[in-house]
Amino acid sequence: MNSKKKMQQEIIAYILLIVGSALFAIGDVMFVNPYLMAPGGTYGLSNVLNTVWPWKISLYAICMDIPLLLVGTWILGPKFGIKTIISTALIFGFTYILESVWGYNPVIHDGAIATAANPDLSMVPIPHNGGWFQPDYFLNTVVAGIIYGIAIGMIFRSGATSGGSDIISMILHKYTKISLGTLVMIVDSIITLTTLIAFGDIRLPIYSVIVIFIEGKVIDLVVDGMKTYKTMFIVTDKLDEVRDYIINDVKRGGTCLTGTGLYNGSERKMIYVTLDRAGMVKLKSALHNIDPNAFVNIMDSSEILGTGFRALPTE
């Protein structure tokens, strides 16, 4: 890759990093914190601490993030690149600015924010900066999950990692050998439960978990894209006909594999091909006419790299 193209990719990566960090701060300060939610991570825990013992979210979070990065580097080695450190600093900076300028005012609420001069609200309110506001939990939860997902997805696309409480999971994984995904879920679940302990409202951890779920789905869309692919393994006695249809009608390539039947030990031919959803439906329908006795196994493919699909990463 020439230096100019590499420079362009780096510029795009840092734009994604900056915008993603800013969006994360917006999601946390303007949507998550006012509703007393804690959807995992150091910023989730900081939201709880900020409400129980008022201090800036950003200051609570950076006091956890820096030691975690240092301890993680000491125990796990230098796994955290410069972009992760920059991301940590950017999120801290954007959060600090936003909570200093905007405060912790909710963007989504059902009715006006009440103050000491206007204390009357018709439904059960939640406390907010010395006053109260009428919550719209469902809509706020959906929007918060979408913003968080876009933000973290952009940070991942830039080449950075989330750091924070994920470092705890990575350390525990090193010594317990429990899967990293399971440990991340355990750590985030414990953080969400702090809202129940602090505020005594069972809705808060439930809505926090919903934010995490929506966030995860949106991250997948941002990182992997909207397009889904299917991988098909086709065992057929009419190899040439199926091959011609894939090449000429579906306009795709594939790989022909030779195997041995488990039951009678005879040699069998199998086609391995990856298609988008439309191509899969087209081929599956054609197989009914070409070889009704074909054996077909179809699997979801979350990421396809190489010729005809997304380019292989340069690093």
Protein backbone atom coordinates (compact mmCIF):
# COMPACT_ATOMS: atom_id res chain seq x y z
CA MET A 1 0.00 0.00 0.00
CA ASN A 2 1.38 3.42 -0.93
CA SER A 3 2.01 6.01 1.76
CA LYS A 4 -0.73 8.36 0.48
CA LYS A 5 -3.46 5.73 0.81
CA LYS A 6 -2.17 4.70 4.21
CA MET A 7 -2.23 8.32 5.34
CA GLN A 8 -5.84 8.66 4.14
CA GLN A 9 -6.83 5.57 6.10
CA GLU A 10 -5.17 6.92 9.22
CA ILE A 11 -6.98 10.26 8.85
CA ILE A 12 -10.31 8.45 8.47
CA ALA A 13 -9.49 6.29 11.51
CA TYR A 14 -8.81 9.33 13.68
CA ILE A 15 -11.98 11.06 12.44
CA LEU A 16 -13.94 7.96 13.45
CA LEU A 17 -12.16 7.97 16.81
CA ILE A 18 -12.96 11.62 17.51
CA VAL A 19 -16.60 11.46 16.37
CA GLY A 20 -17.16 8.14 18.17
CA SER A 21 -15.73 9.52 21.42
CA ALA A 22 -17.91 12.63 21.16
CA LEU A 23 -21.03 10.53 20.53
CA PHE A 24 -20.20 8.32 23.52
CA ALA A 25 -20.07 11.39 25.75
CA ILE A 26 -23.40 12.62 24.36
CA GLY A 27 -25.04 9.26 24.96
CA ASP A 28 -23.76 9.04 28.51
CA VAL A 29 -24.35 12.61 29.73
CA MET A 30 -27.58 13.43 27.90
CA PHE A 31 -29.36 10.07 27.79
CA VAL A 32 -27.96 7.49 30.23
CA ASN A 33 -27.05 9.55 33.30
CA PRO A 34 -30.33 11.52 33.65
CA TYR A 35 -32.24 8.21 33.76
CA LEU A 36 -29.95 6.79 36.47
CA MET A 37 -28.86 3.90 34.23
CA ALA A 38 -25.51 2.11 34.23
CA PRO A 39 -25.05 0.03 31.06
CA GLY A 40 -21.67 -1.43 32.02
CA GLY A 41 -18.17 0.00 31.83
CA THR A 42 -16.43 2.55 33.98
CA TYR A 43 -18.79 5.27 32.76
CA GLY A 44 -21.78 3.19 33.79
CA LEU A 45 -20.39 2.90 37.31
CA SER A 46 -19.47 6.59 37.23
CA ASN A 47 -23.12 7.46 36.51
CA VAL A 48 -24.17 5.75 39.74
CA LEU A 49 -21.38 7.36 41.77
CA ASN A 50 -22.20 10.77 40.25
CA THR A 51 -25.78 10.53 41.49
CA VAL A 52 -25.03 9.09 44.94
CA TRP A 53 -21.97 11.26 45.66
CA PRO A 54 -22.11 14.24 43.24
CA TRP A 55 -18.84 14.67 41.34
CA LYS A 56 -18.26 14.85 37.60
CA ILE A 57 -18.78 11.59 35.69
CA SER A 58 -15.60 12.20 33.71
CA LEU A 59 -13.50 12.55 36.87
CA TYR A 60 -14.87 9.36 38.38
CA ALA A 61 -14.25 7.51 35.10
CA ILE A 62 -10.70 8.76 34.50
CA CYS A 63 -9.79 7.84 38.08
CA MET A 64 -10.75 4.26 37.17
CA ASP A 65 -9.54 4.18 33.55
CA ILE A 66 -5.93 5.26 34.20
CA PRO A 67 -5.22 2.66 36.92
CA LEU A 68 -6.94 -0.02 34.82
CA LEU A 69 -4.77 0.81 31.81
CA LEU A 70 -1.62 0.74 33.95
CA VAL A 71 -2.53 -2.50 35.74
CA GLY A 72 -3.69 -4.05 32.47
CA THR A 73 -0.40 -3.18 30.77
CA TRP A 74 1.55 -4.57 33.73
CA ILE A 75 -0.36 -7.88 33.87
CA LEU A 76 -1.31 -8.41 30.22
CA GLY A 77 1.53 -6.65 28.47
CA PRO A 78 1.35 -3.75 25.98
CA LYS A 79 -1.95 -4.79 24.36
CA PHE A 80 -3.45 -1.33 24.50
CA GLY A 81 -2.37 0.74 21.51
CA ILE A 82 -2.01 4.48 21.28
CA LYS A 83 -5.53 4.81 19.85
CA THR A 84 -7.06 3.24 22.97
CA ILE A 85 -5.19 5.75 25.12
CA ILE A 86 -6.30 8.60 22.83
CA SER A 87 -9.88 7.32 22.95
CA THR A 88 -9.80 7.25 26.75
CA ALA A 89 -8.52 10.84 26.80
CA LEU A 90 -11.04 12.04 24.19
CA ILE A 91 -14.05 10.50 25.95
CA PHE A 92 -12.89 12.05 29.21
CA GLY A 93 -12.47 15.46 27.56
CA PHE A 94 -15.79 15.43 25.70
CA THR A 95 -17.66 14.19 28.77
CA TYR A 96 -16.07 16.84 31.00
CA ILE A 97 -16.96 19.63 28.56
CA LEU A 98 -20.50 18.39 28.01
CA GLU A 99 -21.37 17.94 31.68
CA SER A 100 -19.84 21.36 32.43
CA VAL A 101 -21.81 23.13 29.68
CA TRP A 102 -24.97 21.04 29.37
CA GLY A 103 -25.19 19.64 32.88
CA TYR A 104 -27.14 16.42 33.24
CA ASN A 105 -30.36 17.57 31.59
CA PRO A 106 -32.33 14.83 29.81
CA VAL A 107 -33.01 15.30 26.11
CA ILE A 108 -36.01 12.95 26.12
CA HIS A 109 -38.68 13.38 28.78
CA ASP A 110 -42.46 13.28 28.99
CA GLY A 111 -43.27 16.80 30.10
CA ALA A 112 -41.35 19.77 31.44
CA ILE A 113 -38.55 19.54 33.96
CA ALA A 114 -39.87 20.52 37.37
CA THR A 115 -38.04 22.91 39.66
CA ALA A 116 -38.62 24.28 43.13
CA ALA A 117 -40.76 26.99 41.54
CA ASN A 118 -42.81 24.45 39.59
CA PRO A 119 -42.84 21.21 41.60
CA ASP A 120 -46.12 19.66 40.39
CA LEU A 121 -45.94 16.61 38.13
CA SER A 122 -48.83 14.25 37.42
CA MET A 123 -46.84 10.99 37.13
CA VAL A 124 -44.06 9.43 39.20
CA PRO A 125 -40.94 11.53 38.50
CA ILE A 126 -37.25 10.80 39.04
CA PRO A 127 -34.87 13.21 40.78
CA HIS A 128 -32.83 15.57 38.67
CA ASN A 129 -30.47 18.40 39.72
CA GLY A 130 -32.58 19.52 42.67
CA GLY A 131 -35.80 19.15 40.69
CA TRP A 132 -37.71 16.37 38.93
CA PHE A 133 -38.56 15.35 35.42
CA GLN A 134 -41.15 13.10 33.86
CA PRO A 135 -39.30 10.09 32.34
CA ASP A 136 -39.96 8.34 29.03
CA TYR A 137 -37.91 5.24 29.79
CA PHE A 138 -38.56 3.20 26.67
CA LEU A 139 -37.79 5.83 24.03
CA ASN A 140 -34.75 7.09 25.94
CA THR A 141 -33.43 3.53 26.31
CA VAL A 142 -33.72 2.84 22.58
CA VAL A 143 -32.04 6.13 21.62
CA ALA A 144 -29.28 5.65 24.22
CA GLY A 145 -28.53 2.15 22.92
CA ILE A 146 -28.35 3.39 19.32
CA ILE A 147 -26.03 6.29 20.20
CA TYR A 148 -23.79 4.07 22.34
CA GLY A 149 -23.66 1.43 19.57
CA ILE A 150 -22.74 3.93 16.85
CA ALA A 151 -20.13 5.53 19.12
CA ILE A 152 -18.40 2.31 20.19
CA GLY A 153 -18.70 0.87 16.67
CA MET A 154 -16.87 3.90 15.28
CA ILE A 155 -14.20 3.58 17.97
CA PHE A 156 -13.73 -0.10 17.06
CA ARG A 157 -13.59 0.78 13.35
CA SER A 158 -10.82 3.26 14.11
CA GLY A 159 -8.67 0.46 15.53
CA ALA A 160 -9.08 1.38 19.20
CA THR A 161 -10.58 -0.77 21.94
CA SER A 162 -13.00 0.19 24.68
CA GLY A 163 -10.55 -0.41 27.55
CA GLY A 164 -12.19 0.47 30.87
CA SER A 165 -13.90 -2.39 32.67
CA ASP A 166 -13.07 -4.74 29.76
CA ILE A 167 -9.53 -4.80 31.16
CA ILE A 168 -10.91 -6.39 34.35
CA SER A 169 -12.48 -9.11 32.22
CA MET A 170 -9.20 -9.66 30.35
CA ILE A 171 -7.26 -10.01 33.60
CA LEU A 172 -9.81 -12.45 35.04
CA HIS A 173 -9.70 -14.39 31.77
CA LYS A 174 -5.95 -14.82 32.11
CA TYR A 175 -6.25 -16.48 35.52
CA THR A 176 -9.65 -18.22 35.40
CA LYS A 177 -9.74 -19.34 31.73
CA ILE A 178 -13.44 -18.48 31.66
CA SER A 179 -14.34 -17.19 28.20
CA LEU A 180 -13.79 -13.46 27.71
CA GLY A 181 -17.34 -12.95 26.46
CA THR A 182 -18.78 -14.55 29.59
CA LEU A 183 -16.57 -12.43 31.85
CA VAL A 184 -17.54 -9.21 30.05
CA MET A 185 -21.21 -10.10 30.60
CA ILE A 186 -20.58 -10.85 34.29
CA VAL A 187 -18.68 -7.59 34.91
CA ASP A 188 -21.24 -5.48 33.03
CA SER A 189 -24.12 -7.24 34.81
CA ILE A 190 -22.58 -6.46 38.20
CA ILE A 191 -22.26 -2.80 37.17
CA THR A 192 -25.90 -2.66 36.03
CA LEU A 193 -27.01 -4.14 39.35
CA THR A 194 -25.41 -1.23 41.22
CA THR A 195 -28.38 0.87 40.07
CA LEU A 196 -30.74 -1.44 41.95
CA ILE A 197 -28.59 -1.27 45.08
CA ALA A 198 -28.19 2.51 44.89
CA PHE A 199 -31.72 3.51 43.88
CA GLY A 200 -33.91 0.53 44.73
CA ASP A 201 -35.70 0.56 41.37
CA ILE A 202 -35.81 -2.77 39.53
CA ARG A 203 -36.49 -0.98 36.23
CA LEU A 204 -33.05 0.60 36.14
CA PRO A 205 -30.91 -2.54 35.71
CA ILE A 206 -33.48 -3.93 33.26
CA TYR A 207 -33.34 -0.81 31.09
CA SER A 208 -29.55 -0.79 31.40
CA VAL A 209 -29.41 -4.35 30.05
CA ILE A 210 -31.68 -3.34 27.15
CA VAL A 211 -29.27 -0.49 26.35
CA ILE A 212 -26.40 -3.02 26.29
CA PHE A 213 -28.39 -5.34 23.99
CA ILE A 214 -29.30 -2.59 21.50
CA GLU A 215 -25.75 -1.24 21.69
CA GLY A 216 -24.31 -4.65 20.78
CA LYS A 217 -26.56 -5.01 17.74
CA VAL A 218 -25.72 -1.52 16.49
CA ILE A 219 -21.99 -2.13 17.02
CA ASP A 220 -22.26 -5.18 14.74
CA LEU A 221 -23.97 -3.07 12.07
CA VAL A 222 -21.34 -0.33 12.27
CA VAL A 223 -18.37 -2.71 12.28
CA ASP A 224 -19.62 -5.38 9.86
CA GLY A 225 -22.10 -3.38 7.78
CA MET A 226 -25.72 -3.98 6.91
CA LYS A 227 -25.04 -6.69 4.37
CA THR A 228 -25.30 -10.28 5.60
CA TYR A 229 -23.74 -13.29 3.91
CA LYS A 230 -24.54 -16.98 3.86
CA THR A 231 -22.06 -19.81 3.44
CA MET A 232 -23.42 -22.89 1.68
CA PHE A 233 -21.95 -26.40 1.63
CA ILE A 234 -23.58 -28.38 -1.17
CA VAL A 235 -23.09 -32.13 -1.60
CA THR A 236 -24.45 -33.10 -5.01
CA ASP A 237 -24.10 -35.73 -7.72
CA LYS A 238 -24.67 -33.06 -10.36
CA LEU A 239 -21.57 -31.03 -9.68
CA ASP A 240 -21.14 -29.57 -13.18
CA GLU A 241 -24.72 -28.28 -13.40
CA VAL A 242 -24.56 -26.65 -9.97
CA ARG A 243 -21.13 -25.21 -10.71
CA ASP A 244 -22.33 -23.68 -14.01
CA TYR A 245 -25.37 -22.15 -12.32
CA ILE A 246 -23.24 -20.54 -9.57
CA ILE A 247 -20.76 -19.08 -12.06
CA ASN A 248 -23.13 -18.03 -14.85
CA ASP A 249 -26.39 -17.17 -13.08
CA VAL A 250 -25.42 -16.19 -9.52
CA LYS A 251 -22.15 -14.65 -10.76
CA ARG A 252 -20.07 -16.03 -7.91
CA GLY A 253 -17.04 -18.24 -7.47
CA GLY A 254 -16.59 -21.04 -5.01
CA THR A 255 -14.46 -24.02 -4.09
CA CYS A 256 -14.98 -27.68 -4.96
CA LEU A 257 -13.95 -30.11 -2.24
CA THR A 258 -13.59 -33.87 -2.37
CA GLY A 259 -14.72 -35.95 0.58
CA THR A 260 -15.63 -39.48 1.56
CA GLY A 261 -19.15 -40.46 2.54
CA LEU A 262 -19.29 -41.62 6.15
CA TYR A 263 -21.96 -44.26 5.55
CA ASN A 264 -20.68 -46.19 2.52
CA GLY A 265 -17.17 -44.75 2.08
CA SER A 266 -17.80 -43.53 -1.48
CA GLU A 267 -16.12 -40.43 -2.82
CA ARG A 268 -18.37 -37.34 -2.87
CA LYS A 269 -17.96 -33.85 -4.29
CA MET A 270 -18.92 -30.79 -2.27
CA ILE A 271 -19.18 -27.14 -3.27
CA TYR A 272 -18.27 -24.40 -0.80
CA VAL A 273 -19.68 -20.98 -1.72
CA THR A 274 -20.40 -17.71 0.10
CA LEU A 275 -23.25 -15.50 -1.14
CA ASP A 276 -25.33 -12.55 -0.09
CA ARG A 277 -28.89 -13.29 1.01
CA ALA A 278 -30.39 -12.73 -2.46
CA GLY A 279 -27.86 -15.05 -4.10
CA MET A 280 -28.47 -17.72 -1.46
CA VAL A 281 -32.23 -17.66 -2.05
CA LYS A 282 -31.70 -17.85 -5.82
CA LEU A 283 -29.29 -20.79 -5.59
CA LYS A 284 -31.40 -22.68 -3.05
CA SER A 285 -34.42 -22.39 -5.34
CA ALA A 286 -32.42 -23.56 -8.37
CA LEU A 287 -31.06 -26.57 -6.51
CA HIS A 288 -34.58 -27.93 -6.19
CA ASN A 289 -34.70 -28.25 -9.98
CA ILE A 290 -31.05 -29.17 -10.64
CA ASP A 291 -30.67 -31.83 -7.95
CA PRO A 292 -33.61 -32.41 -5.57
CA ASN A 293 -31.48 -34.96 -3.67
CA ALA A 294 -28.64 -32.53 -2.93
CA PHE A 295 -27.57 -32.09 0.68
CA VAL A 296 -27.23 -28.41 1.63
CA ASN A 297 -25.91 -26.84 4.81
CA ILE A 298 -26.39 -23.06 5.12
CA MET A 299 -24.62 -20.99 7.79
CA ASP A 300 -24.53 -17.31 8.68
CA SER A 301 -21.21 -15.61 7.96
CA SER A 302 -20.61 -12.48 9.99
CA GLU A 303 -17.46 -11.32 8.19
CA ILE A 304 -16.13 -12.24 4.76
CA LEU A 305 -12.73 -10.97 3.64
CA GLY A 306 -11.01 -11.37 0.30
CA THR A 307 -11.62 -10.99 -3.42
CA GLY A 308 -15.20 -10.04 -4.19
CA PHE A 309 -15.93 -9.06 -0.60
CA ARG A 310 -14.29 -6.72 1.90
CA ALA A 311 -10.53 -6.22 1.50
CA LEU A 312 -8.19 -7.92 3.94
CA PRO A 313 -6.86 -5.60 6.67
CA THR A 314 -3.51 -4.03 5.95
CA GLU A 315 -2.19 -4.59 9.46
